[in-house]
PDB file of N, CA and C in Angstrom:
ATOM      1  N   MET A   1     -11.412 -31.533  -5.334  1.00  0.00           N
ATOM      2  CA  MET A   1     -10.880 -30.803  -6.475  1.00  0.00           C
ATOM      3  C   MET A   1     -11.558 -29.440  -6.605  1.00  0.00           C
ATOM      4  N   LEU A   2     -12.875 -29.407  -6.399  1.00  0.00           N
ATOM      5  CA  LEU A   2     -13.611 -28.154  -6.523  1.00  0.00           C
ATOM      6  C   LEU A   2     -13.173 -27.156  -5.454  1.00  0.00           C
ATOM      7  N   LEU A   3     -12.938 -27.641  -4.240  1.00  0.00           N
ATOM      8  CA  LEU A   3     -12.482 -26.761  -3.167  1.00  0.00           C
ATOM      9  C   LEU A   3     -11.118 -26.158  -3.506  1.00  0.00           C
ATOM     10  N   LEU A   4     -10.241 -26.969  -4.061  1.00  0.00           N
ATOM     11  CA  LEU A   4      -8.916 -26.486  -4.448  1.00  0.00           C
ATOM     12  C   LEU A   4      -9.026 -25.411  -5.530  1.00  0.00           C
ATOM     13  N   MET A   5      -9.947 -25.592  -6.469  1.00  0.00           N
ATOM     14  CA  MET A   5     -10.136 -24.595  -7.522  1.00  0.00           C
ATOM     15  C   MET A   5     -10.651 -23.286  -6.938  1.00  0.00           C
ATOM     16  N   LYS A   6     -11.566 -23.374  -5.952  1.00  0.00           N
ATOM     17  CA  LYS A   6     -12.089 -22.167  -5.318  1.00  0.00           C
ATOM     18  C   LYS A   6     -10.989 -21.430  -4.566  1.00  0.00           C
ATOM     19  N   ILE A   7     -10.127 -22.163  -3.897  1.00  0.00           N
ATOM     20  CA  ILE A   7      -9.024 -21.543  -3.170  1.00  0.00           C
ATOM     21  C   ILE A   7      -8.089 -20.841  -4.150  1.00  0.00           C
ATOM     22  N   ASN A   8      -7.758 -21.510  -5.247  1.00  0.00           N
ATOM     23  CA  ASN A   8      -6.871 -20.903  -6.240  1.00  0.00           C
ATOM     24  C   ASN A   8      -7.494 -19.657  -6.860  1.00  0.00           C
ATOM     25  N   LEU A   9      -8.796 -19.693  -7.111  1.00  0.00           N
ATOM     26  CA  LEU A   9      -9.466 -18.513  -7.653  1.00  0.00           C
ATOM     27  C   LEU A   9      -9.455 -17.376  -6.644  1.00  0.00           C
ATOM     28  N   GLY A  10      -9.582 -17.716  -5.367  1.00  0.00           N
ATOM     29  CA  GLY A  10      -9.525 -16.697  -4.324  1.00  0.00           C
ATOM     30  C   GLY A  10      -8.168 -16.027  -4.285  1.00  0.00           C
ATOM     31  N   PHE A  11      -7.104 -16.830  -4.376  1.00  0.00           N
ATOM     32  CA  PHE A  11      -5.755 -16.265  -4.391  1.00  0.00           C
ATOM     33  C   PHE A  11      -5.516 -15.441  -5.651  1.00  0.00           C
ATOM     34  N   ALA A  12      -6.064 -15.883  -6.768  1.00  0.00           N
ATOM     35  CA  ALA A  12      -5.902 -15.137  -8.017  1.00  0.00           C
ATOM     36  C   ALA A  12      -6.579 -13.773  -7.909  1.00  0.00           C
ATOM     37  N   LEU A  13      -7.734 -13.733  -7.282  1.00  0.00           N
ATOM     38  CA  LEU A  13      -8.442 -12.469  -7.109  1.00  0.00           C
ATOM     39  C   LEU A  13      -7.648 -11.520  -6.218  1.00  0.00           C
ATOM     40  N   VAL A  14      -7.133 -12.037  -5.125  1.00  0.00           N
ATOM     41  CA  VAL A  14      -6.330 -11.208  -4.220  1.00  0.00           C
ATOM     42  C   VAL A  14      -5.082 -10.707  -4.933  1.00  0.00           C
ATOM     43  N   THR A  15      -4.429 -11.575  -5.675  1.00  0.00           N
ATOM     44  CA  THR A  15      -3.226 -11.182  -6.414  1.00  0.00           C
ATOM     45  C   THR A  15      -3.553 -10.098  -7.434  1.00  0.00           C
ATOM     46  N   ALA A  16      -4.665 -10.242  -8.135  1.00  0.00           N
ATOM     47  CA  ALA A  16      -5.063  -9.242  -9.128  1.00  0.00           C
ATOM     48  C   ALA A  16      -5.344  -7.897  -8.467  1.00  0.00           C
ATOM     49  N   LEU A  17      -5.993  -7.911  -7.315  1.00  0.00           N
ATOM     50  CA  LEU A  17      -6.278  -6.660  -6.619  1.00  0.00           C
ATOM     51  C   LEU A  17      -5.003  -5.987  -6.134  1.00  0.00           C
ATOM     52  N   VAL A  18      -4.078  -6.782  -5.613  1.00  0.00           N
ATOM     53  CA  VAL A  18      -2.811  -6.223  -5.136  1.00  0.00           C
ATOM     54  C   VAL A  18      -2.015  -5.650  -6.301  1.00  0.00           C
ATOM     55  N   MET A  19      -1.955  -6.367  -7.412  1.00  0.00           N
ATOM     56  CA  MET A  19      -1.215  -5.871  -8.575  1.00  0.00           C
ATOM     57  C   MET A  19      -1.869  -4.611  -9.141  1.00  0.00           C
ATOM     58  N   GLY A  20      -3.194  -4.562  -9.121  1.00  0.00           N
ATOM     59  CA  GLY A  20      -3.891  -3.365  -9.581  1.00  0.00           C
ATOM     60  C   GLY A  20      -3.543  -2.160  -8.724  1.00  0.00           C
ATOM     61  N   ALA A  21      -3.508  -2.357  -7.411  1.00  0.00           N
ATOM     62  CA  ALA A  21      -3.140  -1.272  -6.503  1.00  0.00           C
ATOM     63  C   ALA A  21      -1.693  -0.852  -6.728  1.00  0.00           C
ATOM     64  N   PHE A  22      -0.819  -1.819  -6.961  1.00  0.00           N
ATOM     65  CA  PHE A  22       0.595  -1.521  -7.203  1.00  0.00           C
ATOM     66  C   PHE A  22       0.771  -0.703  -8.481  1.00  0.00           C
ATOM     67  N   LEU A  23       0.101  -1.108  -9.545  1.00  0.00           N
ATOM     68  CA  LEU A  23       0.216  -0.380 -10.815  1.00  0.00           C
ATOM     69  C   LEU A  23      -0.370   1.025 -10.714  1.00  0.00           C
ATOM     70  N   ARG A  24      -1.468   1.157  -9.970  1.00  0.00           N
ATOM     71  CA  ARG A  24      -2.062   2.480  -9.764  1.00  0.00           C
ATOM     72  C   ARG A  24      -1.092   3.390  -9.004  1.00  0.00           C
ATOM     73  N   ARG A  25      -0.407   2.841  -8.002  1.00  0.00           N
ATOM     74  CA  ARG A  25       0.572   3.612  -7.227  1.00  0.00           C
ATOM     75  C   ARG A  25       1.762   4.039  -8.097  1.00  0.00           C
ATOM     76  N   VAL A  26       2.216   3.136  -8.965  1.00  0.00           N
ATOM     77  CA  VAL A  26       3.316   3.466  -9.877  1.00  0.00           C
ATOM     78  C   VAL A  26       2.889   4.582 -10.828  1.00  0.00           C
ATOM     79  N   ALA A  27       1.675   4.507 -11.339  1.00  0.00           N
ATOM     80  CA  ALA A  27       1.182   5.542 -12.251  1.00  0.00           C
ATOM     81  C   ALA A  27       1.089   6.895 -11.546  1.00  0.00           C
ATOM     82  N   LEU A  28       0.616   6.902 -10.303  1.00  0.00           N
ATOM     83  CA  LEU A  28       0.539   8.161  -9.559  1.00  0.00           C
ATOM     84  C   LEU A  28       1.923   8.730  -9.281  1.00  0.00           C
ATOM     85  N   ASN A  29       2.876   7.868  -8.970  1.00  0.00           N
ATOM     86  CA  ASN A  29       4.247   8.334  -8.754  1.00  0.00           C
ATOM     87  C   ASN A  29       4.820   8.945 -10.029  1.00  0.00           C
ATOM     88  N   ALA A  30       4.540   8.325 -11.163  1.00  0.00           N
ATOM     89  CA  ALA A  30       5.030   8.856 -12.441  1.00  0.00           C
ATOM     90  C   ALA A  30       4.427  10.231 -12.712  1.00  0.00           C
ATOM     91  N   LEU A  31       3.138  10.395 -12.436  1.00  0.00           N
ATOM     92  CA  LEU A  31       2.498  11.696 -12.650  1.00  0.00           C
ATOM     93  C   LEU A  31       3.050  12.747 -11.689  1.00  0.00           C
ATOM     94  N   ASN A  32       3.361  12.348 -10.473  1.00  0.00           N
ATOM     95  CA  ASN A  32       3.924  13.294  -9.505  1.00  0.00           C
ATOM     96  C   ASN A  32       5.310  13.769  -9.912  1.00  0.00           C
ATOM     97  N   GLN A  33       6.090  12.918 -10.538  1.00  0.00           N
ATOM     98  CA  GLN A  33       7.462  13.270 -10.890  1.00  0.00           C
ATOM     99  C   GLN A  33       7.548  14.151 -12.130  1.00  0.00           C
ATOM    100  N   GLU A  34       6.527  14.165 -12.961  1.00  0.00           N
ATOM    101  CA  GLU A  34       6.533  14.992 -14.169  1.00  0.00           C
ATOM    102  C   GLU A  34       6.186  16.426 -13.767  1.00  0.00           C
ATOM    103  N   SER A  35       7.030  17.388 -14.143  1.00  0.00           N
ATOM    104  CA  SER A  35       6.835  18.748 -13.635  1.00  0.00           C
ATOM    105  C   SER A  35       6.641  19.809 -14.720  1.00  0.00           C
ATOM    106  N   THR A  36       6.542  19.443 -15.978  1.00  0.00           N
ATOM    107  CA  THR A  36       6.381  20.462 -17.014  1.00  0.00           C
ATOM    108  C   THR A  36       4.951  20.978 -17.083  1.00  0.00           C
ATOM    109  N   TYR A  37       3.986  20.198 -16.667  1.00  0.00           N
ATOM    110  CA  TYR A  37       2.572  20.560 -16.726  1.00  0.00           C
ATOM    111  C   TYR A  37       2.080  20.687 -15.285  1.00  0.00           C
ATOM    112  N   ARG A  38       2.012  21.918 -14.765  1.00  0.00           N
ATOM    113  CA  ARG A  38       1.686  22.159 -13.361  1.00  0.00           C
ATOM    114  C   ARG A  38       0.171  22.174 -13.158  1.00  0.00           C
ATOM    115  N   ARG A  39      -0.395  20.997 -12.988  1.00  0.00           N
ATOM    116  CA  ARG A  39      -1.830  20.848 -12.756  1.00  0.00           C
ATOM    117  C   ARG A  39      -2.052  19.771 -11.698  1.00  0.00           C
ATOM    118  N   SER A  40      -3.315  19.537 -11.363  1.00  0.00           N
ATOM    119  CA  SER A  40      -3.640  18.502 -10.382  1.00  0.00           C
ATOM    120  C   SER A  40      -3.394  17.117 -10.983  1.00  0.00           C
ATOM    121  N   LEU A  41      -3.347  16.115 -10.116  1.00  0.00           N
ATOM    122  CA  LEU A  41      -3.146  14.746 -10.600  1.00  0.00           C
ATOM    123  C   LEU A  41      -4.285  14.308 -11.513  1.00  0.00           C
ATOM    124  N   ALA A  42      -5.504  14.723 -11.190  1.00  0.00           N
ATOM    125  CA  ALA A  42      -6.642  14.351 -12.033  1.00  0.00           C
ATOM    126  C   ALA A  42      -6.492  14.939 -13.436  1.00  0.00           C
ATOM    127  N   GLN A  43      -6.072  16.193 -13.519  1.00  0.00           N
ATOM    128  CA  GLN A  43      -5.891  16.825 -14.826  1.00  0.00           C
ATOM    129  C   GLN A  43      -4.729  16.198 -15.586  1.00  0.00           C
ATOM    130  N   LYS A  44      -3.647  15.889 -14.864  1.00  0.00           N
ATOM    131  CA  LYS A  44      -2.518  15.225 -15.513  1.00  0.00           C
ATOM    132  C   LYS A  44      -2.928  13.851 -16.031  1.00  0.00           C
ATOM    133  N   SER A  45      -3.717  13.135 -15.244  1.00  0.00           N
ATOM    134  CA  SER A  45      -4.159  11.799 -15.649  1.00  0.00           C
ATOM    135  C   SER A  45      -5.020  11.863 -16.907  1.00  0.00           C
ATOM    136  N   LYS A  46      -5.942  12.815 -16.948  1.00  0.00           N
ATOM    137  CA  LYS A  46      -6.795  12.969 -18.130  1.00  0.00           C
ATOM    138  C   LYS A  46      -5.975  13.349 -19.357  1.00  0.00           C
ATOM    139  N   ARG A  47      -5.025  14.264 -19.174  1.00  0.00           N
ATOM    140  CA  ARG A  47      -4.197  14.674 -20.310  1.00  0.00           C
ATOM    141  C   ARG A  47      -3.346  13.508 -20.798  1.00  0.00           C
ATOM    142  N   THR A  48      -2.836  12.711 -19.870  1.00  0.00           N
ATOM    143  CA  THR A  48      -2.034  11.551 -20.246  1.00  0.00           C
ATOM    144  C   THR A  48      -2.861  10.565 -21.066  1.00  0.00           C
ATOM    145  N   ALA A  49      -4.121  10.398 -20.695  1.00  0.00           N
ATOM    146  CA  ALA A  49      -4.992   9.472 -21.416  1.00  0.00           C
ATOM    147  C   ALA A  49      -5.299   9.963 -22.830  1.00  0.00           C
ATOM    148  N   MET A  50      -5.322  11.281 -23.027  1.00  0.00           N
ATOM    149  CA  MET A  50      -5.700  11.831 -24.328  1.00  0.00           C
ATOM    150  C   MET A  50      -4.526  12.176 -25.234  1.00  0.00           C
ATOM    151  N   ASP A  51      -3.350  12.416 -24.658  1.00  0.00           N
ATOM    152  CA  ASP A  51      -2.224  12.943 -25.428  1.00  0.00           C
ATOM    153  C   ASP A  51      -1.026  11.996 -25.321  1.00  0.00           C
ATOM    154  N   ASN A  52      -0.720  11.306 -26.406  1.00  0.00           N
ATOM    155  CA  ASN A  52       0.384  10.338 -26.390  1.00  0.00           C
ATOM    156  C   ASN A  52       1.742  10.999 -26.168  1.00  0.00           C
ATOM    157  N   ASP A  53       1.922  12.208 -26.683  1.00  0.00           N
ATOM    158  CA  ASP A  53       3.194  12.906 -26.476  1.00  0.00           C
ATOM    159  C   ASP A  53       3.406  13.223 -24.996  1.00  0.00           C
ATOM    160  N   TYR A  54       2.332  13.645 -24.330  1.00  0.00           N
ATOM    161  CA  TYR A  54       2.445  13.926 -22.897  1.00  0.00           C
ATOM    162  C   TYR A  54       2.685  12.631 -22.114  1.00  0.00           C
ATOM    163  N   MET A  55       2.057  11.546 -22.542  1.00  0.00           N
ATOM    164  CA  MET A  55       2.284  10.257 -21.888  1.00  0.00           C
ATOM    165  C   MET A  55       3.756   9.864 -21.973  1.00  0.00           C
ATOM    166  N   MET A  56       4.367  10.088 -23.125  1.00  0.00           N
ATOM    167  CA  MET A  56       5.792   9.786 -23.270  1.00  0.00           C
ATOM    168  C   MET A  56       6.634  10.694 -22.376  1.00  0.00           C
ATOM    169  N   ALA A  57       6.230  11.951 -22.220  1.00  0.00           N
ATOM    170  CA  ALA A  57       6.956  12.864 -21.334  1.00  0.00           C
ATOM    171  C   ALA A  57       6.880  12.387 -19.883  1.00  0.00           C
ATOM    172  N   VAL A  58       5.713  11.901 -19.484  1.00  0.00           N
ATOM    173  CA  VAL A  58       5.549  11.375 -18.122  1.00  0.00           C
ATOM    174  C   VAL A  58       6.424  10.147 -17.926  1.00  0.00           C
ATOM    175  N   LEU A  59       6.427   9.246 -18.901  1.00  0.00           N
ATOM    176  CA  LEU A  59       7.241   8.033 -18.784  1.00  0.00           C
ATOM    177  C   LEU A  59       8.728   8.354 -18.778  1.00  0.00           C
ATOM    178  N   LYS A  60       9.140   9.324 -19.588  1.00  0.00           N
ATOM    179  CA  LYS A  60      10.557   9.723 -19.590  1.00  0.00           C
ATOM    180  C   LYS A  60      10.955  10.320 -18.249  1.00  0.00           C
ATOM    181  N   ALA A  61      10.097  11.168 -17.684  1.00  0.00           N
ATOM    182  CA  ALA A  61      10.396  11.769 -16.382  1.00  0.00           C
ATOM    183  C   ALA A  61      10.478  10.695 -15.303  1.00  0.00           C
ATOM    184  N   PHE A  62       9.623   9.690 -15.400  1.00  0.00           N
ATOM    185  CA  PHE A  62       9.618   8.611 -14.406  1.00  0.00           C
ATOM    186  C   PHE A  62      10.858   7.738 -14.544  1.00  0.00           C
ATOM    187  N   CYS A  63      11.285   7.474 -15.763  1.00  0.00           N
ATOM    188  CA  CYS A  63      12.455   6.609 -15.978  1.00  0.00           C
ATOM    189  C   CYS A  63      13.753   7.308 -15.611  1.00  0.00           C
ATOM    190  N   GLN A  64      13.806   8.623 -15.719  1.00  0.00           N
ATOM    191  CA  GLN A  64      15.019   9.358 -15.387  1.00  0.00           C
ATOM    192  C   GLN A  64      15.218   9.487 -13.885  1.00  0.00           C
ATOM    193  N   ALA A  65      14.146   9.420 -13.129  1.00  0.00           N
ATOM    194  CA  ALA A  65      14.260   9.593 -11.670  1.00  0.00           C
ATOM    195  C   ALA A  65      14.801   8.360 -10.997  1.00  0.00           C
TER     196      ALA A  65
END
């Protein structure tokens, strides 16, 4: 039983890492598609974290594409 639990935890960890990478890729794609704020991805990411209106603009640009 303990071995089975370790295997399941291993798969859960791998799944979490893959999903994290997938979500990070989606976020980068959304930032790339937004074109009203011509800055680097790092600057866009920081602005998105601080400004809810800009975050909505990024999400709208991503959903329209």
